[in-house]
Structure formats: C-alpha cells, structure tokens
Amino acid sequence: MAEVDKTAGGESPAAVFACLEIMKQRAEFLACAKGRRVHCPGFVVQGRRRGEDDGAGGVRVGFTCSKKVGNAVARNRAKRRLREIARAVLPGAGRAGWDYVLIGRAGETAARDFALMQDELRAALEKLHG
C-alpha cells in the first residue's frame, strides 16, 4: 500500500524551526543561565556562546515559564507566544553557536502586544551580543 501524504497541496510539512534547535535538557538551561541576561517588559532573555565541546551548530533556543505566570493554561499560552516571536526573530537576529532561553513573565507575556514583543527581542539580542 502506498503512503498517503496528508498535507495540503501535496508538499512536505513545513519545519517549525528551520534553523533553530530546541533545548530540552535541564543542563542546557542551567548552562545558559550562567551567561548574559537581558530583561524586557514582556520576558527575560538569557544567552551564551556555546563552547567547542558543546557542538558549534546553529542557534539553540529554550522556553520556560514558572508557576508565577499562572496555571498550566496561562503558562502554555505564554510559551506559545515566546515560540512564535523566536520563530520570527531568531533566524535573522540570532547568532550561530549561541544558546538562548526565553523566560515568560507573570501577567505580561500572554497579554503584551505581539509586534512590540518582537521589537523587544530584537533589541535584547543586540544588547546581548554587544
């Protein structure tokens, strides 16, 4: 039996993050916490340059929200918004060989204007790299 392609138009499914790798291990988040940190009104960005032993691939990114942000629904909404701004901004403004962690803020991440958050991430990355 032939395999059926279930995507619209017959093309292969789009990659969620074309050049971004998602960090999932706690050790990766802790290593990134030792790097630089930039505070924005809607979120916090942590960043560090990876060493040679960590693998010098593309951009890696992680997302987190503490229970201060709210219940599971509120935390997931905040992380979805952080993933979207990272998808829009990091391929152009992020640097290869760097790790970034975006941390949601209580009451701000889920409610803040989306375009404003993208601008804040661009400014935070410039400050982080500068």
C-alpha atoms as a PDB file:
ATOM      1  CA  MET A   1       0.000   0.000   0.000  1.00  0.00           C
ATOM      2  CA  ALA A   2       1.361   3.424  -0.958  1.00  0.00           C
ATOM      3  CA  GLU A   3       1.990   6.005   1.736  1.00  0.00           C
ATOM      4  CA  VAL A   4      -0.517   8.863   1.600  1.00  0.00           C
ATOM      5  CA  ASP A   5       0.694  12.446   2.049  1.00  0.00           C
ATOM      6  CA  LYS A   6      -1.781  14.177   4.354  1.00  0.00           C
ATOM      7  CA  THR A   7      -0.508  17.741   3.936  1.00  0.00           C
ATOM      8  CA  ALA A   8      -2.421  20.317   1.946  1.00  0.00           C
ATOM      9  CA  GLY A   9      -1.273  20.692  -1.634  1.00  0.00           C
ATOM     10  CA  GLY A  10       0.881  17.573  -1.544  1.00  0.00           C
ATOM     11  CA  GLU A  11       4.069  19.320  -0.349  1.00  0.00           C
ATOM     12  CA  SER A  12       6.014  18.124   2.641  1.00  0.00           C
ATOM     13  CA  PRO A  13       5.122  19.643   6.022  1.00  0.00           C
ATOM     14  CA  ALA A  14       6.908  22.883   6.873  1.00  0.00           C
ATOM     15  CA  ALA A  15       9.616  22.697   9.516  1.00  0.00           C
ATOM     16  CA  VAL A  16       8.618  24.523  12.656  1.00  0.00           C
ATOM     17  CA  PHE A  17      12.100  25.923  13.235  1.00  0.00           C
ATOM     18  CA  ALA A  18      14.154  25.801  10.048  1.00  0.00           C
ATOM     19  CA  CYS A  19      17.491  26.722  11.639  1.00  0.00           C
ATOM     20  CA  LEU A  20      16.623  26.634  15.348  1.00  0.00           C
ATOM     21  CA  GLU A  21      17.199  23.681  17.627  1.00  0.00           C
ATOM     22  CA  ILE A  22      15.012  23.403  20.725  1.00  0.00           C
ATOM     23  CA  MET A  23      16.757  22.858  24.055  1.00  0.00           C
ATOM     24  CA  LYS A  24      15.026  20.351  26.318  1.00  0.00           C
ATOM     25  CA  GLN A  25      17.626  19.187  28.837  1.00  0.00           C
ATOM     26  CA  ARG A  26      17.829  20.919  32.223  1.00  0.00           C
ATOM     27  CA  ALA A  27      21.619  21.063  31.997  1.00  0.00           C
ATOM     28  CA  GLU A  28      21.380  23.149  28.814  1.00  0.00           C
ATOM     29  CA  PHE A  29      19.084  25.653  30.554  1.00  0.00           C
ATOM     30  CA  LEU A  30      21.391  25.847  33.573  1.00  0.00           C
ATOM     31  CA  ALA A  31      24.424  26.412  31.351  1.00  0.00           C
ATOM     32  CA  CYS A  32      22.589  29.227  29.573  1.00  0.00           C
ATOM     33  CA  ALA A  33      21.668  30.782  32.942  1.00  0.00           C
ATOM     34  CA  LYS A  34      25.391  31.340  33.582  1.00  0.00           C
ATOM     35  CA  GLY A  35      25.613  33.577  30.509  1.00  0.00           C
ATOM     36  CA  ARG A  36      24.277  37.064  29.913  1.00  0.00           C
ATOM     37  CA  ARG A  37      20.754  38.162  30.780  1.00  0.00           C
ATOM     38  CA  VAL A  38      18.603  40.966  29.373  1.00  0.00           C
ATOM     39  CA  HIS A  39      15.316  41.986  30.976  1.00  0.00           C
ATOM     40  CA  CYS A  40      12.440  43.167  28.796  1.00  0.00           C
ATOM     41  CA  PRO A  41       8.970  44.216  29.977  1.00  0.00           C
ATOM     42  CA  GLY A  42       7.354  41.113  28.463  1.00  0.00           C
ATOM     43  CA  PHE A  43      10.034  38.471  29.070  1.00  0.00           C
ATOM     44  CA  VAL A  44      13.656  37.805  30.012  1.00  0.00           C
ATOM     45  CA  VAL A  45      16.305  36.615  27.547  1.00  0.00           C
ATOM     46  CA  GLN A  46      19.340  34.616  28.633  1.00  0.00           C
ATOM     47  CA  GLY A  47      22.122  33.921  26.159  1.00  0.00           C
ATOM     48  CA  ARG A  48      25.545  32.380  25.973  1.00  0.00           C
ATOM     49  CA  ARG A  49      28.029  31.328  23.323  1.00  0.00           C
ATOM     50  CA  ARG A  50      28.475  27.574  23.227  1.00  0.00           C
ATOM     51  CA  GLY A  51      31.913  26.106  23.649  1.00  0.00           C
ATOM     52  CA  GLU A  52      33.645  23.793  21.197  1.00  0.00           C
ATOM     53  CA  ASP A  53      32.733  20.741  23.287  1.00  0.00           C
ATOM     54  CA  ASP A  54      29.003  21.675  23.241  1.00  0.00           C
ATOM     55  CA  GLY A  55      28.786  21.404  19.464  1.00  0.00           C
ATOM     56  CA  ALA A  56      29.033  24.522  17.344  1.00  0.00           C
ATOM     57  CA  GLY A  57      25.856  24.089  15.302  1.00  0.00           C
ATOM     58  CA  GLY A  58      23.187  26.651  14.647  1.00  0.00           C
ATOM     59  CA  VAL A  59      21.017  28.585  17.059  1.00  0.00           C
ATOM     60  CA  ARG A  60      19.533  26.714  20.020  1.00  0.00           C
ATOM     61  CA  VAL A  61      16.599  28.104  21.982  1.00  0.00           C
ATOM     62  CA  GLY A  62      14.619  27.104  25.063  1.00  0.00           C
ATOM     63  CA  PHE A  63      11.400  28.395  26.586  1.00  0.00           C
ATOM     64  CA  THR A  64      10.270  28.386  30.192  1.00  0.00           C
ATOM     65  CA  CYS A  65       7.624  29.881  32.450  1.00  0.00           C
ATOM     66  CA  SER A  66       7.416  29.458  36.210  1.00  0.00           C
ATOM     67  CA  LYS A  67       4.214  28.858  38.134  1.00  0.00           C
ATOM     68  CA  LYS A  68       4.176  32.581  38.933  1.00  0.00           C
ATOM     69  CA  VAL A  69       2.886  33.088  35.370  1.00  0.00           C
ATOM     70  CA  GLY A  70      -0.296  31.216  36.278  1.00  0.00           C
ATOM     71  CA  ASN A  71      -1.934  27.861  35.810  1.00  0.00           C
ATOM     72  CA  ALA A  72      -0.957  25.403  33.057  1.00  0.00           C
ATOM     73  CA  VAL A  73      -3.193  27.116  30.503  1.00  0.00           C
ATOM     74  CA  ALA A  74      -1.590  30.516  31.136  1.00  0.00           C
ATOM     75  CA  ARG A  75       1.947  29.085  31.076  1.00  0.00           C
ATOM     76  CA  ASN A  76       1.340  27.241  27.819  1.00  0.00           C
ATOM     77  CA  ARG A  77      -0.158  30.354  26.211  1.00  0.00           C
ATOM     78  CA  ALA A  78       2.873  32.402  27.270  1.00  0.00           C
ATOM     79  CA  LYS A  79       5.279  29.757  25.909  1.00  0.00           C
ATOM     80  CA  ARG A  80       3.389  29.596  22.596  1.00  0.00           C
ATOM     81  CA  ARG A  81       3.796  33.355  22.214  1.00  0.00           C
ATOM     82  CA  LEU A  82       7.514  33.111  23.059  1.00  0.00           C
ATOM     83  CA  ARG A  83       7.942  30.340  20.467  1.00  0.00           C
ATOM     84  CA  GLU A  84       6.294  32.496  17.808  1.00  0.00           C
ATOM     85  CA  ILE A  85       8.441  35.557  18.443  1.00  0.00           C
ATOM     86  CA  ALA A  86      11.544  33.335  18.476  1.00  0.00           C
ATOM     87  CA  ARG A  87      10.491  31.785  15.173  1.00  0.00           C
ATOM     88  CA  ALA A  88      10.056  35.247  13.659  1.00  0.00           C
ATOM     89  CA  VAL A  89      13.150  36.983  15.073  1.00  0.00           C
ATOM     90  CA  LEU A  90      15.940  34.488  15.860  1.00  0.00           C
ATOM     91  CA  PRO A  91      16.687  33.244  12.321  1.00  0.00           C
ATOM     92  CA  GLY A  92      17.671  36.793  11.356  1.00  0.00           C
ATOM     93  CA  ALA A  93      18.947  38.271  14.619  1.00  0.00           C
ATOM     94  CA  GLY A  94      20.331  35.211  16.427  1.00  0.00           C
ATOM     95  CA  ARG A  95      23.926  34.100  16.040  1.00  0.00           C
ATOM     96  CA  ALA A  96      25.070  30.606  15.148  1.00  0.00           C
ATOM     97  CA  GLY A  97      26.765  28.857  18.042  1.00  0.00           C
ATOM     98  CA  TRP A  98      24.643  30.638  20.665  1.00  0.00           C
ATOM     99  CA  ASP A  99      22.045  29.327  23.115  1.00  0.00           C
ATOM    100  CA  TYR A 100      19.058  31.460  24.098  1.00  0.00           C
ATOM    101  CA  VAL A 101      16.428  30.932  26.792  1.00  0.00           C
ATOM    102  CA  LEU A 102      13.239  32.999  26.767  1.00  0.00           C
ATOM    103  CA  ILE A 103      11.547  33.246  30.168  1.00  0.00           C
ATOM    104  CA  GLY A 104       7.921  34.324  30.442  1.00  0.00           C
ATOM    105  CA  ARG A 105       6.788  36.956  32.920  1.00  0.00           C
ATOM    106  CA  ALA A 106       3.641  36.885  35.021  1.00  0.00           C
ATOM    107  CA  GLY A 107       0.824  38.975  33.575  1.00  0.00           C
ATOM    108  CA  GLU A 108       2.957  40.361  30.755  1.00  0.00           C
ATOM    109  CA  THR A 109       3.968  37.666  28.267  1.00  0.00           C
ATOM    110  CA  ALA A 110       0.456  36.491  27.440  1.00  0.00           C
ATOM    111  CA  ALA A 111      -1.095  39.976  27.307  1.00  0.00           C
ATOM    112  CA  ARG A 112       1.602  42.139  25.685  1.00  0.00           C
ATOM    113  CA  ASP A 113       1.343  43.317  22.064  1.00  0.00           C
ATOM    114  CA  PHE A 114       2.941  40.747  19.750  1.00  0.00           C
ATOM    115  CA  ALA A 115       4.729  43.216  17.441  1.00  0.00           C
ATOM    116  CA  LEU A 116       6.093  45.058  20.469  1.00  0.00           C
ATOM    117  CA  MET A 117       7.466  41.794  21.870  1.00  0.00           C
ATOM    118  CA  GLN A 118       9.235  41.071  18.569  1.00  0.00           C
ATOM    119  CA  ASP A 119      10.870  44.511  18.667  1.00  0.00           C
ATOM    120  CA  GLU A 120      11.883  43.940  22.297  1.00  0.00           C
ATOM    121  CA  LEU A 121      13.507  40.614  21.379  1.00  0.00           C
ATOM    122  CA  ARG A 122      15.491  42.244  18.545  1.00  0.00           C
ATOM    123  CA  ALA A 123      16.690  44.984  20.915  1.00  0.00           C
ATOM    124  CA  ALA A 124      17.513  42.430  23.632  1.00  0.00           C
ATOM    125  CA  LEU A 125      19.597  40.353  21.205  1.00  0.00           C
ATOM    126  CA  GLU A 126      21.551  43.444  20.097  1.00  0.00           C
ATOM    127  CA  LYS A 127      22.220  44.262  23.750  1.00  0.00           C
ATOM    128  CA  LEU A 128      23.131  40.641  24.499  1.00  0.00           C
ATOM    129  CA  HIS A 129      25.631  40.467  21.629  1.00  0.00           C
ATOM    130  CA  GLY A 130      27.016  43.939  22.163  1.00  0.00           C
END
